[in-house]
N, C-alpha and C. Protein backbone atom coordinates (compact mmCIF):
# COMPACT_ATOMS: atom_id res chain seq x y z
N UNK A 1 68.16 44.59 89.93
CA UNK A 1 68.15 43.20 90.31
C UNK A 1 69.31 42.48 89.61
N UNK A 2 70.10 41.73 90.35
CA UNK A 2 71.23 41.00 89.78
C UNK A 2 70.77 39.64 89.29
N UNK A 3 71.51 39.12 88.29
CA UNK A 3 71.23 37.78 87.78
C UNK A 3 71.38 36.79 88.93
N UNK A 4 70.42 35.89 89.05
CA UNK A 4 70.48 34.90 90.11
C UNK A 4 69.73 35.30 91.36
N UNK A 5 69.29 36.56 91.46
CA UNK A 5 68.52 36.98 92.62
C UNK A 5 67.19 36.25 92.64
N UNK A 6 66.77 35.86 93.81
CA UNK A 6 65.48 35.19 93.95
C UNK A 6 64.43 36.24 94.24
N UNK A 7 63.35 36.18 93.48
CA UNK A 7 62.24 37.11 93.67
C UNK A 7 60.96 36.29 93.67
N UNK A 8 60.15 36.46 94.68
CA UNK A 8 58.86 35.79 94.74
C UNK A 8 57.76 36.81 94.50
N UNK A 9 56.82 36.46 93.67
CA UNK A 9 55.67 37.31 93.37
C UNK A 9 54.42 36.45 93.37
N UNK A 10 53.32 37.06 93.70
CA UNK A 10 52.03 36.39 93.60
C UNK A 10 51.36 36.87 92.33
N UNK A 11 50.94 35.92 91.50
CA UNK A 11 50.20 36.26 90.28
C UNK A 11 48.91 35.47 90.29
N UNK A 12 47.95 35.90 89.49
CA UNK A 12 46.63 35.28 89.47
C UNK A 12 46.39 34.60 88.13
N UNK A 13 45.80 33.42 88.17
CA UNK A 13 45.40 32.72 86.95
C UNK A 13 44.03 33.26 86.55
N UNK A 14 43.89 33.73 85.30
CA UNK A 14 42.60 34.27 84.88
C UNK A 14 41.66 33.15 84.45
N UNK A 15 40.46 33.51 84.02
CA UNK A 15 39.45 32.50 83.70
C UNK A 15 39.84 31.64 82.50
N UNK A 16 40.79 32.10 81.66
CA UNK A 16 41.28 31.31 80.54
C UNK A 16 42.54 30.51 80.91
N UNK A 17 42.83 30.46 82.22
CA UNK A 17 44.01 29.77 82.77
C UNK A 17 45.31 30.39 82.26
N UNK A 18 45.31 31.70 82.04
CA UNK A 18 46.51 32.41 81.62
C UNK A 18 47.02 33.25 82.79
N UNK A 19 48.32 33.51 82.76
CA UNK A 19 48.93 34.35 83.79
C UNK A 19 49.69 35.48 83.12
N UNK A 20 49.82 36.58 83.81
CA UNK A 20 50.60 37.72 83.34
C UNK A 20 51.85 37.81 84.21
N UNK A 21 53.02 37.75 83.57
CA UNK A 21 54.26 37.87 84.33
C UNK A 21 54.54 39.34 84.60
N UNK A 22 54.77 39.71 85.85
CA UNK A 22 55.09 41.10 86.16
C UNK A 22 56.35 41.54 85.42
N UNK A 23 56.42 42.82 85.12
CA UNK A 23 57.54 43.37 84.34
C UNK A 23 58.89 43.02 84.95
N UNK A 24 59.02 43.15 86.26
CA UNK A 24 60.31 42.88 86.90
C UNK A 24 60.73 41.41 86.78
N UNK A 25 59.77 40.52 86.54
CA UNK A 25 60.09 39.10 86.35
C UNK A 25 60.55 38.84 84.91
N UNK A 26 60.16 39.71 83.98
CA UNK A 26 60.54 39.54 82.57
C UNK A 26 61.88 40.17 82.26
N UNK A 27 62.33 41.12 83.07
CA UNK A 27 63.54 41.89 82.77
C UNK A 27 64.81 41.06 82.83
N UNK A 28 65.04 40.34 83.93
CA UNK A 28 66.30 39.61 84.11
C UNK A 28 66.54 38.59 83.00
N UNK A 29 65.55 37.76 82.66
CA UNK A 29 65.80 36.82 81.56
C UNK A 29 65.55 37.45 80.19
N UNK A 30 65.25 38.75 80.14
CA UNK A 30 65.00 39.47 78.89
C UNK A 30 63.93 38.79 78.05
N UNK A 31 62.76 38.62 78.63
CA UNK A 31 61.63 38.01 77.92
C UNK A 31 60.87 39.07 77.15
N UNK A 32 60.42 38.69 75.96
CA UNK A 32 59.68 39.60 75.09
C UNK A 32 58.44 38.88 74.56
N UNK A 33 57.43 39.64 74.13
CA UNK A 33 56.24 39.00 73.55
C UNK A 33 56.64 38.05 72.43
N UNK A 34 56.06 36.86 72.44
CA UNK A 34 56.37 35.85 71.43
C UNK A 34 57.44 34.87 71.86
N UNK A 35 58.22 35.19 72.91
CA UNK A 35 59.23 34.25 73.40
C UNK A 35 58.52 33.03 73.98
N UNK A 36 59.19 31.89 73.90
CA UNK A 36 58.62 30.67 74.44
C UNK A 36 59.24 30.35 75.79
N UNK A 37 58.42 29.79 76.67
CA UNK A 37 58.88 29.35 77.98
C UNK A 37 58.66 27.85 78.08
N UNK A 38 59.59 27.17 78.74
CA UNK A 38 59.40 25.76 79.07
C UNK A 38 58.83 25.70 80.47
N UNK A 39 57.87 24.84 80.68
CA UNK A 39 57.29 24.70 82.02
C UNK A 39 57.53 23.26 82.48
N UNK A 40 57.99 23.12 83.71
CA UNK A 40 58.26 21.81 84.28
C UNK A 40 57.52 21.70 85.61
N UNK A 41 56.89 20.57 85.82
CA UNK A 41 56.23 20.33 87.10
C UNK A 41 57.17 19.48 87.94
N UNK A 42 57.42 19.94 89.15
CA UNK A 42 58.28 19.24 90.09
C UNK A 42 57.48 19.10 91.38
N UNK A 43 56.77 17.99 91.51
CA UNK A 43 55.86 17.84 92.65
C UNK A 43 54.75 18.87 92.55
N UNK A 44 54.66 19.73 93.54
CA UNK A 44 53.63 20.77 93.55
C UNK A 44 54.16 22.10 93.01
N UNK A 45 55.39 22.12 92.48
CA UNK A 45 55.96 23.35 91.93
C UNK A 45 55.88 23.35 90.42
N UNK A 46 55.64 24.52 89.85
CA UNK A 46 55.74 24.73 88.42
C UNK A 46 56.95 25.63 88.20
N UNK A 47 57.84 25.21 87.33
CA UNK A 47 59.06 25.97 87.08
C UNK A 47 59.05 26.43 85.63
N UNK A 48 59.11 27.75 85.43
CA UNK A 48 59.15 28.33 84.09
C UNK A 48 60.57 28.76 83.80
N UNK A 49 61.02 28.49 82.58
CA UNK A 49 62.33 28.99 82.17
C UNK A 49 62.28 29.29 80.69
N UNK A 50 63.05 30.27 80.25
CA UNK A 50 63.06 30.61 78.83
C UNK A 50 63.55 29.44 78.00
N UNK A 51 62.89 29.21 76.86
CA UNK A 51 63.35 28.19 75.93
C UNK A 51 64.54 28.76 75.18
N UNK A 52 65.61 28.00 75.13
CA UNK A 52 66.81 28.47 74.44
C UNK A 52 66.54 28.66 72.96
N UNK A 53 67.06 29.74 72.46
CA UNK A 53 66.98 29.99 71.04
C UNK A 53 68.15 29.29 70.38
N UNK A 54 68.08 29.09 69.10
CA UNK A 54 69.17 28.42 68.39
C UNK A 54 70.48 29.19 68.52
N UNK A 55 71.57 28.50 68.34
CA UNK A 55 72.88 29.14 68.47
C UNK A 55 73.07 30.25 67.45
N UNK A 56 72.53 30.07 66.25
CA UNK A 56 72.68 31.13 65.24
C UNK A 56 72.06 32.42 65.75
N UNK A 57 70.93 32.32 66.42
CA UNK A 57 70.27 33.51 66.97
C UNK A 57 71.15 34.16 68.03
N UNK A 58 71.76 33.35 68.88
CA UNK A 58 72.60 33.89 69.95
C UNK A 58 73.89 34.51 69.43
N UNK A 59 74.39 34.02 68.29
CA UNK A 59 75.65 34.51 67.75
C UNK A 59 75.47 35.68 66.79
N UNK A 60 74.21 35.95 66.41
CA UNK A 60 73.96 37.03 65.45
C UNK A 60 74.55 38.35 65.96
N UNK A 61 75.36 38.97 65.12
CA UNK A 61 75.93 40.26 65.47
C UNK A 61 77.23 40.18 66.25
N UNK A 62 77.66 38.97 66.62
CA UNK A 62 78.88 38.81 67.39
C UNK A 62 80.08 39.28 66.57
N UNK A 63 80.86 40.16 67.13
CA UNK A 63 82.05 40.72 66.49
C UNK A 63 81.74 41.44 65.17
N UNK A 64 80.58 42.05 65.12
CA UNK A 64 80.20 42.74 63.88
C UNK A 64 81.17 43.87 63.53
N UNK A 65 81.85 44.42 64.53
CA UNK A 65 82.79 45.51 64.25
C UNK A 65 83.97 45.01 63.39
N UNK A 66 84.30 43.73 63.46
CA UNK A 66 85.38 43.17 62.67
C UNK A 66 85.03 43.22 61.17
N UNK A 67 83.75 43.07 60.87
CA UNK A 67 83.28 42.99 59.48
C UNK A 67 82.71 44.31 58.98
N UNK A 68 82.87 45.37 59.73
CA UNK A 68 82.24 46.65 59.42
C UNK A 68 82.53 47.14 58.01
N UNK A 69 83.75 47.10 57.56
CA UNK A 69 84.12 47.63 56.24
C UNK A 69 84.39 46.54 55.21
N UNK A 70 83.83 45.35 55.43
CA UNK A 70 84.08 44.23 54.54
C UNK A 70 82.80 43.88 53.79
N UNK A 71 82.92 43.72 52.47
CA UNK A 71 81.80 43.26 51.65
C UNK A 71 81.76 41.74 51.79
N UNK A 72 80.76 41.21 52.46
CA UNK A 72 80.69 39.78 52.76
C UNK A 72 80.68 38.94 51.49
N UNK A 73 79.95 39.36 50.48
CA UNK A 73 79.87 38.59 49.23
C UNK A 73 81.25 38.50 48.58
N UNK A 74 81.95 39.61 48.53
CA UNK A 74 83.28 39.63 47.93
C UNK A 74 84.26 38.79 48.76
N UNK A 75 84.16 38.87 50.06
CA UNK A 75 85.03 38.08 50.94
C UNK A 75 84.84 36.59 50.69
N UNK A 76 83.59 36.14 50.62
CA UNK A 76 83.30 34.72 50.39
C UNK A 76 83.80 34.30 49.01
N UNK A 77 83.61 35.14 48.01
CA UNK A 77 84.08 34.84 46.66
C UNK A 77 85.60 34.62 46.67
N UNK A 78 86.32 35.52 47.32
CA UNK A 78 87.78 35.40 47.38
C UNK A 78 88.22 34.14 48.14
N UNK A 79 87.52 33.85 49.20
CA UNK A 79 87.84 32.63 49.97
C UNK A 79 87.64 31.39 49.10
N UNK A 80 86.54 31.33 48.40
CA UNK A 80 86.26 30.16 47.55
C UNK A 80 87.30 30.04 46.43
N UNK A 81 87.73 31.14 45.88
CA UNK A 81 88.75 31.09 44.85
C UNK A 81 90.07 30.57 45.39
N UNK A 82 90.37 30.85 46.65
CA UNK A 82 91.63 30.39 47.24
C UNK A 82 91.64 28.89 47.46
N UNK A 83 90.49 28.23 47.43
CA UNK A 83 90.42 26.79 47.65
C UNK A 83 90.89 26.02 46.40
N UNK A 84 90.83 26.66 45.26
CA UNK A 84 91.14 25.96 44.01
C UNK A 84 92.61 25.82 43.79
């Protein structure tokens, strides 16, 4: 399934008013247990979308190969010394 593909599924509300999202509906937005969803009511429609995580979470690990052989503590120490 490509990003942006429209998929309609029928799901059932259980007696506790909970729903189970089918696996194929969780894959594209990469939903995992514990993730939060925002729900919006638009007339008679309910729209679910993943709640954005903080930017730090999204950037974690970005360009990690650049820092592979660098001691982060030593790098920061040297940078701070250069400010003086």
